[in-house]
Amino acid sequence: RPSSYMALSLKIGLLTSFTCKKILIKRLKELFTYIDSIEDLEFLNQELNHKSFVGVDTEFRRTTKDNMKLALLQINDLEEIYLIDPVLIGDPKGKCDFLFSDSVTKIFHSCKEDIEAVYSWTGQVMVNLFDTQLAEAFLDGHYSIGYQGLVEQKLGITVDKGETRSNWIRRPLTDSQLNYAASDVEFLIDLYEDQKQALIESNKLLWHDEELKFLSSRIFSPNIQADETCKGLTKAEEKNLLNKFHEIVLNISEAEEINPTLFFSKKSQKDFLRLTFSEGIEEASNKITDWRAGLIFDPLSDILQEY
């Protein structure tokens, strides 16, 4: 990023191809560009399609499970932060296909609602994702740590939380909202670079990628419903089996240095056992991620022989 007024002026000069407004935020050496027209979005899309990765966040309004509207899309390409306004742009008309490119990694923190919000605007399912919250859980960190908490923990930087509950649909957005939105993508790439290397070194990057694909399939495809009880077991037997399953989960989590809730939450343990007694362990294993099934199949099969 620019370190002087001269560098900042040079950066502004490089952005003159955009007709949109340039906005200086709290620190003079930081700049973001507000994208509020389909023409600027098309130009930006061409630029971002050549990037290897971008940090992404969203602001949205959700009234019910199926009623969601994307209000703002924040992008950081390491050189610049862009705030894309879907409310003013309207139909994106396919001018943001970098979001769906296999060659551009999209870095989120806790991506579930973000990818739903993007879908509500574009009608397309995002691919090639990286999730810093999920990565942290694979690296034996907290399962549900927030972006602000992770940035403070890893980088020692405090991120503003002031506009979390803003009305993001109302226009115009305030300077405070825009500053907050920009800060939410400012450090995603820093986190990504450290976490990706750690996942590679621990042979968990493929686990992370598979987990995100599985998450996406659960969001955009019908959910698998497990039976309400384990067929053929009394409640006492089911409770005993769940206790044994939970012990297996804790042991594997400790050995593999992954968060146990990520690996198999208590609810997931119960659902998986009921699916196993309904359809058999091999069929049940086909309905979870390969990395998870590979770790759990043999030890769970051993204890199931007793039932």
Protein backbone atom coordinates (compact mmCIF):
# COMPACT_ATOMS: atom_id res chain seq x y z
CA ARG A 1 0.00 0.00 0.00
CA PRO A 2 1.19 3.63 -0.56
CA SER A 3 3.40 5.03 2.18
CA SER A 4 3.35 8.71 1.21
CA TYR A 5 1.17 11.39 -0.36
CA MET A 6 3.08 10.94 -3.62
CA ALA A 7 2.43 7.20 -3.70
CA LEU A 8 -1.21 7.84 -2.90
CA SER A 9 -1.52 10.33 -5.73
CA LEU A 10 0.03 7.82 -8.10
CA LYS A 11 -2.49 5.19 -7.03
CA ILE A 12 -5.38 7.58 -7.60
CA GLY A 13 -4.00 8.24 -11.09
CA LEU A 14 -3.98 4.53 -11.85
CA LEU A 15 -7.67 4.37 -10.97
CA THR A 16 -8.86 7.01 -13.42
CA SER A 17 -10.33 4.38 -15.75
CA PHE A 18 -13.15 4.09 -13.21
CA THR A 19 -15.89 6.72 -13.41
CA CYS A 20 -16.93 5.94 -9.85
CA LYS A 21 -16.18 7.97 -6.76
CA LYS A 22 -12.81 7.59 -4.95
CA ILE A 23 -13.12 7.65 -1.20
CA LEU A 24 -10.29 8.08 1.30
CA ILE A 25 -10.94 6.24 4.56
CA LYS A 26 -9.55 6.75 8.04
CA ARG A 27 -5.86 6.35 7.22
CA LEU A 28 -4.66 8.40 4.27
CA LYS A 29 -2.59 5.53 2.94
CA GLU A 30 -5.70 3.39 2.41
CA LEU A 31 -8.12 3.75 -0.46
CA PHE A 32 -11.23 1.99 -1.63
CA THR A 33 -13.28 2.37 -4.77
CA TYR A 34 -17.07 2.43 -4.79
CA ILE A 35 -18.60 0.50 -7.70
CA ASP A 36 -22.18 1.60 -8.33
CA SER A 37 -22.77 1.06 -12.07
CA ILE A 38 -22.84 -1.94 -14.40
CA GLU A 39 -20.11 -0.31 -16.54
CA ASP A 40 -17.68 -0.07 -13.63
CA LEU A 41 -18.59 -3.59 -12.52
CA GLU A 42 -17.77 -4.92 -15.99
CA PHE A 43 -14.38 -3.20 -15.97
CA LEU A 44 -13.61 -4.45 -12.47
CA ASN A 45 -14.65 -7.97 -13.43
CA GLN A 46 -12.09 -7.98 -16.24
CA GLU A 47 -9.38 -6.92 -13.79
CA LEU A 48 -10.29 -9.42 -11.07
CA ASN A 49 -10.49 -12.35 -13.48
CA HIS A 50 -6.70 -12.09 -13.75
CA LYS A 51 -6.12 -12.36 -9.99
CA SER A 52 -5.10 -15.57 -8.23
CA PHE A 53 -7.14 -14.75 -5.13
CA VAL A 54 -9.35 -12.06 -3.63
CA GLY A 55 -10.77 -11.45 -0.18
CA VAL A 56 -14.58 -11.28 -0.15
CA ASP A 57 -17.25 -10.27 2.33
CA THR A 58 -20.89 -9.25 2.05
CA GLU A 59 -23.51 -7.19 3.81
CA PHE A 60 -27.10 -8.31 3.35
CA ARG A 61 -30.63 -8.20 4.69
CA ARG A 62 -32.33 -11.46 5.60
CA THR A 63 -35.91 -11.56 6.80
CA THR A 64 -36.54 -15.33 6.54
CA LYS A 65 -34.53 -18.42 5.61
CA ASP A 66 -35.46 -18.00 1.95
CA ASN A 67 -35.68 -14.21 1.77
CA MET A 68 -32.24 -12.64 1.44
CA LYS A 69 -31.02 -9.55 -0.41
CA LEU A 70 -27.38 -8.71 -1.06
CA ALA A 71 -26.72 -5.10 -0.04
CA LEU A 72 -22.95 -4.74 -0.49
CA LEU A 73 -20.11 -6.87 -1.85
CA GLN A 74 -16.60 -6.10 -0.58
CA ILE A 75 -13.52 -7.23 -2.51
CA ASN A 76 -9.82 -6.96 -1.63
CA ASP A 77 -7.33 -7.91 -4.36
CA LEU A 78 -4.28 -7.04 -2.19
CA GLU A 79 -3.74 -3.82 -4.11
CA GLU A 80 -7.15 -2.22 -3.63
CA ILE A 81 -10.45 -2.61 -1.80
CA TYR A 82 -13.64 -2.36 -3.87
CA LEU A 83 -17.13 -1.86 -2.50
CA ILE A 84 -19.69 -3.11 -5.03
CA ASP A 85 -23.25 -1.84 -4.59
CA PRO A 86 -25.81 -4.43 -5.82
CA VAL A 87 -28.69 -2.19 -4.72
CA LEU A 88 -27.71 0.56 -7.16
CA ILE A 89 -26.38 -1.76 -9.88
CA GLY A 90 -29.40 -4.05 -9.96
CA ASP A 91 -29.07 -7.07 -12.26
CA PRO A 92 -25.34 -7.90 -12.56
CA LYS A 93 -25.91 -9.32 -16.06
CA GLY A 94 -23.06 -11.80 -15.73
CA LYS A 95 -20.52 -9.02 -15.15
CA CYS A 96 -19.05 -10.57 -12.01
CA ASP A 97 -18.00 -14.00 -13.21
CA PHE A 98 -14.70 -13.77 -11.31
CA LEU A 99 -16.82 -14.94 -8.37
CA PHE A 100 -17.49 -18.22 -10.17
CA SER A 101 -14.06 -18.74 -11.72
CA ASP A 102 -12.07 -21.87 -10.91
CA SER A 103 -8.86 -19.87 -11.30
CA VAL A 104 -9.68 -17.16 -8.73
CA THR A 105 -9.74 -18.24 -5.07
CA LYS A 106 -12.37 -16.35 -3.06
CA ILE A 107 -11.33 -15.89 0.57
CA PHE A 108 -14.11 -15.53 3.15
CA HIS A 109 -14.48 -15.71 6.89
CA SER A 110 -17.47 -17.92 7.73
CA CYS A 111 -18.76 -18.08 4.18
CA LYS A 112 -22.13 -19.82 4.57
CA GLU A 113 -24.41 -16.77 4.52
CA ASP A 114 -22.09 -14.86 2.20
CA ILE A 115 -22.39 -17.42 -0.60
CA GLU A 116 -26.16 -17.49 -0.07
CA ALA A 117 -26.22 -13.69 -0.36
CA VAL A 118 -24.19 -13.76 -3.58
CA TYR A 119 -26.55 -16.41 -4.94
CA SER A 120 -29.55 -14.20 -4.14
CA TRP A 121 -28.06 -11.52 -6.42
CA THR A 122 -26.55 -13.60 -9.22
CA GLY A 123 -28.43 -16.90 -9.19
CA GLN A 124 -25.07 -18.71 -9.34
CA VAL A 125 -23.23 -20.92 -6.85
CA MET A 126 -19.69 -19.83 -6.03
CA VAL A 127 -16.72 -22.20 -6.43
CA ASN A 128 -13.04 -22.26 -5.42
CA LEU A 129 -13.48 -20.90 -1.91
CA PHE A 130 -11.25 -20.52 1.14
CA ASP A 131 -12.71 -19.95 4.59
CA THR A 132 -10.43 -18.53 7.30
CA GLN A 133 -12.82 -19.57 10.09
CA LEU A 134 -12.91 -23.14 8.82
CA ALA A 135 -9.15 -23.20 8.27
CA GLU A 136 -8.59 -22.12 11.87
CA ALA A 137 -10.71 -25.05 13.10
CA PHE A 138 -8.65 -27.47 10.99
CA LEU A 139 -5.56 -26.01 12.64
CA ASP A 140 -6.86 -26.83 16.14
CA GLY A 141 -8.27 -23.35 16.74
CA HIS A 142 -11.69 -22.22 17.88
CA TYR A 143 -14.53 -23.57 15.73
CA SER A 144 -16.58 -20.38 15.49
CA ILE A 145 -14.10 -17.55 16.07
CA GLY A 146 -15.21 -14.26 14.48
CA TYR A 147 -13.22 -12.29 11.92
CA GLN A 148 -12.39 -9.52 14.38
CA GLY A 149 -11.25 -12.05 16.98
CA LEU A 150 -9.07 -13.94 14.52
CA VAL A 151 -7.43 -10.76 13.21
CA GLU A 152 -6.68 -9.64 16.74
CA GLN A 153 -5.37 -13.08 17.71
CA LYS A 154 -3.17 -13.63 14.67
CA LEU A 155 -2.19 -10.10 13.65
CA GLY A 156 -2.59 -8.10 16.84
CA ILE A 157 -4.90 -5.61 15.11
CA THR A 158 -8.26 -4.41 16.43
CA VAL A 159 -10.97 -4.19 13.74
CA ASP A 160 -13.95 -1.84 14.09
CA LYS A 161 -17.25 -3.56 15.01
CA GLY A 162 -19.40 -0.43 15.10
CA GLU A 163 -21.71 -1.00 12.13
CA THR A 164 -22.46 -4.72 12.54
CA ARG A 165 -26.22 -4.17 12.83
CA SER A 166 -26.58 -1.36 10.30
CA ASN A 167 -29.37 -1.07 7.78
CA TRP A 168 -27.35 -1.97 4.68
CA ILE A 169 -30.26 -1.58 2.27
CA ARG A 170 -30.90 2.12 2.91
CA ARG A 171 -29.08 4.54 0.59
CA PRO A 172 -26.87 6.47 0.76
CA LEU A 173 -24.55 4.45 2.97
CA THR A 174 -22.71 6.49 5.59
CA ASP A 175 -18.94 6.98 5.71
CA SER A 176 -18.93 4.90 8.90
CA GLN A 177 -20.67 2.01 7.13
CA LEU A 178 -18.29 2.18 4.17
CA ASN A 179 -15.22 2.27 6.41
CA TYR A 180 -16.53 -0.70 8.39
CA ALA A 181 -17.30 -2.67 5.22
CA ALA A 182 -13.81 -2.04 3.83
CA SER A 183 -12.15 -3.15 7.09
CA ASP A 184 -14.00 -6.48 6.91
CA VAL A 185 -11.87 -7.57 3.93
CA GLU A 186 -8.68 -5.70 4.75
CA PHE A 187 -6.86 -8.59 6.46
CA LEU A 188 -8.42 -11.67 4.83
CA ILE A 189 -5.47 -12.21 2.49
CA ASP A 190 -2.96 -11.97 5.36
CA LEU A 191 -4.86 -14.69 7.22
CA TYR A 192 -5.22 -16.78 4.06
CA GLU A 193 -1.52 -16.83 3.23
CA ASP A 194 -0.53 -18.03 6.71
CA GLN A 195 -3.35 -20.55 7.04
CA LYS A 196 -2.96 -22.04 3.57
CA GLN A 197 0.70 -22.73 4.23
CA ALA A 198 -0.13 -24.32 7.58
CA LEU A 199 -2.83 -26.49 5.98
CA ILE A 200 -0.40 -27.63 3.29
CA GLU A 201 2.25 -28.51 5.88
CA SER A 202 -0.28 -30.54 7.91
CA ASN A 203 -1.79 -32.21 4.82
CA LYS A 204 -5.22 -30.72 5.52
CA LEU A 205 -5.74 -28.38 2.58
CA LEU A 206 -7.70 -31.02 0.66
CA TRP A 207 -9.82 -31.63 3.79
CA HIS A 208 -10.59 -27.90 3.94
CA ASP A 209 -11.52 -27.76 0.24
CA GLU A 210 -13.70 -30.85 0.47
CA GLU A 211 -15.49 -29.48 3.53
CA LEU A 212 -16.40 -26.28 1.67
CA LYS A 213 -17.76 -28.21 -1.31
CA PHE A 214 -19.81 -30.32 1.09
CA LEU A 215 -21.12 -27.20 2.83
CA SER A 216 -22.16 -25.70 -0.49
CA SER A 217 -23.96 -28.89 -1.52
CA ARG A 218 -25.91 -28.89 1.75
CA ILE A 219 -26.96 -25.27 1.23
CA PHE A 220 -28.07 -25.57 -2.38
CA SER A 221 -29.29 -29.19 -2.39
CA PRO A 222 -31.94 -30.93 -0.26
CA ASN A 223 -30.72 -31.95 3.17
CA ILE A 224 -30.47 -35.62 4.16
CA GLN A 225 -32.84 -36.38 7.01
CA ALA A 226 -31.78 -38.97 9.54
CA ASP A 227 -34.22 -41.22 11.35
CA GLU A 228 -35.38 -40.00 14.75
CA THR A 229 -34.01 -43.05 16.52
CA CYS A 230 -31.39 -45.75 16.01
CA LYS A 231 -33.40 -48.69 14.71
CA GLY A 232 -33.11 -51.77 16.90
CA LEU A 233 -31.59 -49.93 19.88
CA THR A 234 -33.13 -48.93 23.17
CA LYS A 235 -32.58 -45.36 24.34
CA ALA A 236 -30.06 -46.62 26.90
CA GLU A 237 -28.12 -48.52 24.21
CA GLU A 238 -28.15 -45.49 21.93
CA LYS A 239 -26.85 -43.26 24.72
CA ASN A 240 -24.06 -45.73 25.49
CA LEU A 241 -23.10 -45.95 21.81
CA LEU A 242 -23.11 -42.15 21.49
CA ASN A 243 -20.75 -41.89 24.47
CA LYS A 244 -18.34 -44.31 22.78
CA PHE A 245 -18.64 -42.44 19.48
CA HIS A 246 -17.93 -39.15 21.23
CA GLU A 247 -14.79 -40.60 22.84
CA ILE A 248 -13.58 -41.71 19.41
CA VAL A 249 -14.19 -38.22 18.03
CA LEU A 250 -12.19 -36.62 20.86
CA ASN A 251 -9.29 -39.04 20.43
CA ILE A 252 -9.10 -38.54 16.67
CA SER A 253 -9.42 -34.76 17.01
CA GLU A 254 -6.52 -34.67 19.44
CA ALA A 255 -4.35 -36.90 17.25
CA GLU A 256 -5.10 -34.93 14.07
CA GLU A 257 -5.05 -31.51 15.81
CA ILE A 258 -8.43 -30.41 14.52
CA ASN A 259 -11.32 -28.86 16.38
CA PRO A 260 -13.67 -31.68 17.58
CA THR A 261 -16.81 -29.67 16.80
CA LEU A 262 -15.63 -29.24 13.22
CA PHE A 263 -14.82 -32.95 12.98
CA PHE A 264 -18.09 -34.27 14.40
CA SER A 265 -20.36 -32.10 16.54
CA LYS A 266 -22.56 -33.92 19.05
CA LYS A 267 -25.60 -33.37 16.85
CA SER A 268 -23.72 -34.73 13.82
CA GLN A 269 -22.67 -37.77 15.82
CA LYS A 270 -26.27 -38.55 16.68
CA ASP A 271 -27.49 -37.95 13.11
CA PHE A 272 -24.72 -40.10 11.65
CA LEU A 273 -25.38 -42.98 14.01
CA ARG A 274 -29.09 -42.95 13.19
CA LEU A 275 -28.28 -42.86 9.48
CA THR A 276 -25.86 -45.76 10.00
CA PHE A 277 -28.51 -47.91 11.69
CA SER A 278 -30.98 -46.98 8.98
CA GLU A 279 -28.81 -47.48 5.88
CA GLY A 280 -25.57 -49.15 7.03
CA ILE A 281 -22.20 -47.58 7.73
CA GLU A 282 -20.93 -47.73 4.15
CA GLU A 283 -23.97 -45.92 2.75
CA ALA A 284 -23.92 -43.43 5.61
CA SER A 285 -20.22 -42.76 4.97
CA ASN A 286 -21.02 -41.89 1.36
CA LYS A 287 -23.15 -39.01 2.64
CA ILE A 288 -20.39 -37.24 4.58
CA THR A 289 -17.02 -35.88 3.47
CA ASP A 290 -14.34 -38.38 2.45
CA TRP A 291 -11.80 -36.95 4.91
CA ARG A 292 -14.26 -37.34 7.79
CA ALA A 293 -15.37 -40.83 6.72
CA GLY A 294 -11.77 -41.95 6.32
CA LEU A 295 -10.97 -41.01 9.91
CA ILE A 296 -14.09 -42.42 11.52
CA PHE A 297 -14.94 -45.56 9.51
CA ASP A 298 -12.67 -48.17 11.12
CA PRO A 299 -12.98 -47.20 14.81
CA LEU A 300 -16.74 -46.76 14.51
CA SER A 301 -17.10 -50.08 12.69
CA ASP A 302 -15.32 -51.77 15.58
CA ILE A 303 -17.73 -50.54 18.22
CA LEU A 304 -20.76 -51.21 16.02
CA GLN A 305 -19.92 -54.91 16.02
CA GLU A 306 -21.13 -55.02 19.60
CA TYR A 307 -24.67 -54.02 18.52
